[in-house]
Amino acid sequence: MSPTVLREGPFRLFFFSREEPRMHVHVSHPDGEAKFWLVPHVALADAVGLTARQLTEAQDIVERHTREIRDAWLRHFGP
């Protein structure tokens, strides 16, 4: 199961259930995808297929919605 946290433009932010315990979010785009750590701060963990500009856009979305993403993480996975 991979619940969607939010969508913005061509980006979909979601979690993979039963993945590693460190808080993070996956970002899907028609051209590729990325993974961002959420703690201790937003940081790119891995990416494939996205341009530097798309990664910057994705990170901006994650940073603007960090609180919402963290709250969704806690609802989905627990504290």
N, C-alpha and C. Protein backbone atom coordinates (compact mmCIF):
# COMPACT_ATOMS: atom_id res chain seq x y z
N MET A 1 0.84 -1.17 0.00
CA MET A 1 0.00 0.00 0.00
C MET A 1 0.89 1.24 0.00
N SER A 2 0.57 2.22 -0.81
CA SER A 2 1.34 3.46 -0.86
C SER A 2 0.40 4.65 -0.82
N PRO A 3 0.02 5.07 0.39
CA PRO A 3 -0.95 6.15 0.50
C PRO A 3 -0.42 7.48 -0.03
N THR A 4 -1.24 8.17 -0.79
CA THR A 4 -0.88 9.48 -1.31
C THR A 4 -1.10 10.52 -0.21
N VAL A 5 -0.08 11.35 0.00
CA VAL A 5 -0.16 12.41 0.99
C VAL A 5 -0.74 13.66 0.34
N LEU A 6 -0.24 14.00 -0.85
CA LEU A 6 -0.78 15.14 -1.59
C LEU A 6 -0.31 15.10 -3.03
N ARG A 7 -0.99 15.89 -3.83
CA ARG A 7 -0.63 16.06 -5.24
C ARG A 7 -0.50 17.56 -5.49
N GLU A 8 0.52 17.91 -6.25
CA GLU A 8 0.69 19.30 -6.65
C GLU A 8 1.28 19.30 -8.05
N GLY A 9 0.53 19.87 -9.00
CA GLY A 9 0.98 19.83 -10.39
C GLY A 9 1.22 18.39 -10.79
N PRO A 10 2.37 18.11 -11.43
CA PRO A 10 2.66 16.75 -11.87
C PRO A 10 3.26 15.86 -10.77
N PHE A 11 3.37 16.39 -9.55
CA PHE A 11 4.01 15.65 -8.46
C PHE A 11 3.00 14.97 -7.55
N ARG A 12 3.31 13.75 -7.16
CA ARG A 12 2.52 12.99 -6.20
C ARG A 12 3.44 12.61 -5.05
N LEU A 13 3.08 12.97 -3.84
CA LEU A 13 3.86 12.64 -2.66
C LEU A 13 3.18 11.50 -1.94
N PHE A 14 3.95 10.49 -1.56
CA PHE A 14 3.36 9.29 -0.97
C PHE A 14 4.36 8.56 -0.10
N PHE A 15 3.85 7.60 0.67
CA PHE A 15 4.66 6.71 1.50
C PHE A 15 4.55 5.30 0.96
N PHE A 16 5.59 4.50 1.20
CA PHE A 16 5.50 3.06 1.01
C PHE A 16 5.29 2.46 2.39
N SER A 17 4.30 1.62 2.53
CA SER A 17 4.09 0.95 3.80
C SER A 17 5.19 -0.09 4.02
N ARG A 18 5.55 -0.24 5.26
CA ARG A 18 6.54 -1.25 5.68
C ARG A 18 7.91 -1.02 5.05
N GLU A 19 8.29 0.22 4.91
CA GLU A 19 9.63 0.54 4.43
C GLU A 19 10.46 0.90 5.65
N GLU A 20 11.60 1.50 5.46
CA GLU A 20 12.47 1.86 6.57
C GLU A 20 11.79 2.84 7.54
N PRO A 21 12.19 2.81 8.80
CA PRO A 21 11.51 3.61 9.82
C PRO A 21 11.86 5.10 9.83
N ARG A 22 12.96 5.51 9.21
CA ARG A 22 13.32 6.94 9.21
C ARG A 22 12.28 7.72 8.39
N MET A 23 11.79 8.82 8.97
CA MET A 23 10.73 9.58 8.34
C MET A 23 11.18 10.16 6.99
N HIS A 24 10.41 9.84 5.95
CA HIS A 24 10.73 10.29 4.59
C HIS A 24 9.47 10.25 3.74
N VAL A 25 9.57 10.84 2.56
CA VAL A 25 8.45 10.84 1.62
C VAL A 25 8.99 10.59 0.21
N HIS A 26 8.21 9.88 -0.58
CA HIS A 26 8.55 9.65 -1.98
C HIS A 26 7.79 10.65 -2.83
N VAL A 27 8.43 11.11 -3.90
CA VAL A 27 7.82 12.06 -4.81
C VAL A 27 7.87 11.46 -6.22
N SER A 28 6.72 11.28 -6.80
CA SER A 28 6.61 10.72 -8.14
C SER A 28 6.28 11.83 -9.13
N HIS A 29 6.84 11.71 -10.31
CA HIS A 29 6.63 12.66 -11.41
C HIS A 29 6.61 11.81 -12.68
N PRO A 30 5.94 12.23 -13.74
CA PRO A 30 5.94 11.42 -14.96
C PRO A 30 7.34 11.09 -15.49
N ASP A 31 8.33 11.93 -15.18
CA ASP A 31 9.69 11.69 -15.67
C ASP A 31 10.55 10.85 -14.75
N GLY A 32 10.13 10.66 -13.50
CA GLY A 32 10.97 9.92 -12.56
C GLY A 32 10.44 10.06 -11.15
N GLU A 33 11.32 9.82 -10.18
CA GLU A 33 10.90 9.95 -8.79
C GLU A 33 12.08 10.27 -7.90
N ALA A 34 11.75 10.68 -6.68
CA ALA A 34 12.76 11.04 -5.70
C ALA A 34 12.28 10.63 -4.32
N LYS A 35 13.22 10.60 -3.40
CA LYS A 35 12.91 10.30 -2.00
C LYS A 35 13.59 11.39 -1.17
N PHE A 36 12.84 11.96 -0.22
CA PHE A 36 13.37 13.01 0.63
C PHE A 36 13.26 12.61 2.09
N TRP A 37 14.35 12.78 2.83
CA TRP A 37 14.32 12.63 4.28
C TRP A 37 13.58 13.83 4.84
N LEU A 38 12.86 13.64 5.93
CA LEU A 38 12.13 14.73 6.56
C LEU A 38 12.77 15.17 7.87
N VAL A 39 13.58 14.32 8.46
CA VAL A 39 14.27 14.67 9.71
C VAL A 39 15.75 14.36 9.59
N PRO A 40 16.63 15.14 10.15
CA PRO A 40 16.32 16.31 10.98
C PRO A 40 15.85 17.52 10.17
N HIS A 41 16.04 17.48 8.86
CA HIS A 41 15.55 18.52 7.96
C HIS A 41 15.30 17.88 6.59
N VAL A 42 14.62 18.59 5.72
CA VAL A 42 14.33 18.06 4.38
C VAL A 42 15.63 17.96 3.59
N ALA A 43 15.91 16.77 3.09
CA ALA A 43 17.13 16.53 2.32
C ALA A 43 16.87 15.43 1.29
N LEU A 44 17.42 15.60 0.11
CA LEU A 44 17.27 14.59 -0.94
C LEU A 44 18.02 13.32 -0.54
N ALA A 45 17.33 12.19 -0.59
CA ALA A 45 17.94 10.90 -0.28
C ALA A 45 18.37 10.19 -1.55
N ASP A 46 17.53 10.25 -2.58
CA ASP A 46 17.79 9.52 -3.82
C ASP A 46 16.85 10.05 -4.90
N ALA A 47 17.29 9.95 -6.14
CA ALA A 47 16.43 10.37 -7.25
C ALA A 47 16.85 9.65 -8.52
N VAL A 48 15.86 9.48 -9.40
CA VAL A 48 16.12 8.89 -10.70
C VAL A 48 15.20 9.54 -11.73
N GLY A 49 15.76 9.93 -12.87
CA GLY A 49 14.98 10.42 -13.98
C GLY A 49 14.56 11.88 -13.95
N LEU A 50 14.78 12.56 -12.84
CA LEU A 50 14.35 13.95 -12.72
C LEU A 50 15.50 14.91 -13.01
N THR A 51 15.17 16.03 -13.63
CA THR A 51 16.17 17.06 -13.89
C THR A 51 16.44 17.83 -12.60
N ALA A 52 17.50 18.62 -12.61
CA ALA A 52 17.82 19.45 -11.45
C ALA A 52 16.66 20.39 -11.13
N ARG A 53 16.04 20.93 -12.16
CA ARG A 53 14.91 21.84 -11.95
C ARG A 53 13.73 21.11 -11.31
N GLN A 54 13.43 19.90 -11.79
CA GLN A 54 12.33 19.12 -11.22
C GLN A 54 12.62 18.76 -9.77
N LEU A 55 13.88 18.44 -9.47
CA LEU A 55 14.25 18.12 -8.08
C LEU A 55 14.08 19.34 -7.19
N THR A 56 14.45 20.51 -7.69
CA THR A 56 14.27 21.74 -6.93
C THR A 56 12.79 21.99 -6.67
N GLU A 57 11.96 21.78 -7.69
CA GLU A 57 10.51 21.95 -7.53
C GLU A 57 9.97 20.96 -6.51
N ALA A 58 10.41 19.70 -6.60
CA ALA A 58 9.94 18.67 -5.68
C ALA A 58 10.34 19.02 -4.25
N GLN A 59 11.59 19.44 -4.06
CA GLN A 59 12.04 19.77 -2.71
C GLN A 59 11.27 20.97 -2.17
N ASP A 60 10.98 21.94 -3.01
CA ASP A 60 10.19 23.09 -2.59
C ASP A 60 8.81 22.66 -2.10
N ILE A 61 8.19 21.74 -2.82
CA ILE A 61 6.88 21.23 -2.41
C ILE A 61 6.98 20.54 -1.06
N VAL A 62 7.98 19.68 -0.91
CA VAL A 62 8.16 18.97 0.35
C VAL A 62 8.39 19.96 1.50
N GLU A 63 9.23 20.95 1.27
CA GLU A 63 9.51 21.93 2.33
C GLU A 63 8.26 22.74 2.70
N ARG A 64 7.46 23.13 1.71
CA ARG A 64 6.25 23.90 1.99
C ARG A 64 5.19 23.09 2.73
N HIS A 65 5.23 21.77 2.56
CA HIS A 65 4.21 20.90 3.16
C HIS A 65 4.79 19.97 4.23
N THR A 66 5.95 20.30 4.77
CA THR A 66 6.61 19.40 5.73
C THR A 66 5.71 19.04 6.90
N ARG A 67 5.08 20.03 7.48
CA ARG A 67 4.22 19.74 8.65
C ARG A 67 3.10 18.77 8.26
N GLU A 68 2.45 19.02 7.15
CA GLU A 68 1.36 18.15 6.68
C GLU A 68 1.88 16.72 6.41
N ILE A 69 3.06 16.62 5.82
CA ILE A 69 3.64 15.31 5.52
C ILE A 69 3.99 14.57 6.80
N ARG A 70 4.60 15.27 7.75
CA ARG A 70 4.95 14.64 9.04
C ARG A 70 3.70 14.19 9.78
N ASP A 71 2.66 15.02 9.77
CA ASP A 71 1.40 14.63 10.42
C ASP A 71 0.81 13.39 9.76
N ALA A 72 0.86 13.32 8.43
CA ALA A 72 0.35 12.16 7.70
C ALA A 72 1.18 10.92 8.04
N TRP A 73 2.49 11.09 8.18
CA TRP A 73 3.38 9.98 8.55
C TRP A 73 2.96 9.42 9.89
N LEU A 74 2.77 10.30 10.87
CA LEU A 74 2.41 9.85 12.22
C LEU A 74 1.04 9.18 12.23
N ARG A 75 0.10 9.69 11.43
CA ARG A 75 -1.22 9.03 11.35
C ARG A 75 -1.09 7.64 10.72
N HIS A 76 -0.23 7.52 9.71
CA HIS A 76 -0.11 6.26 8.99
C HIS A 76 0.73 5.23 9.74
N PHE A 77 1.89 5.67 10.25
CA PHE A 77 2.84 4.73 10.87
C PHE A 77 2.82 4.74 12.40
N GLY A 78 2.27 5.80 12.99
CA GLY A 78 2.29 5.94 14.44
C GLY A 78 3.58 6.63 14.88
N PRO A 79 3.62 7.02 16.17
CA PRO A 79 4.81 7.75 16.66
C PRO A 79 6.06 6.89 16.73
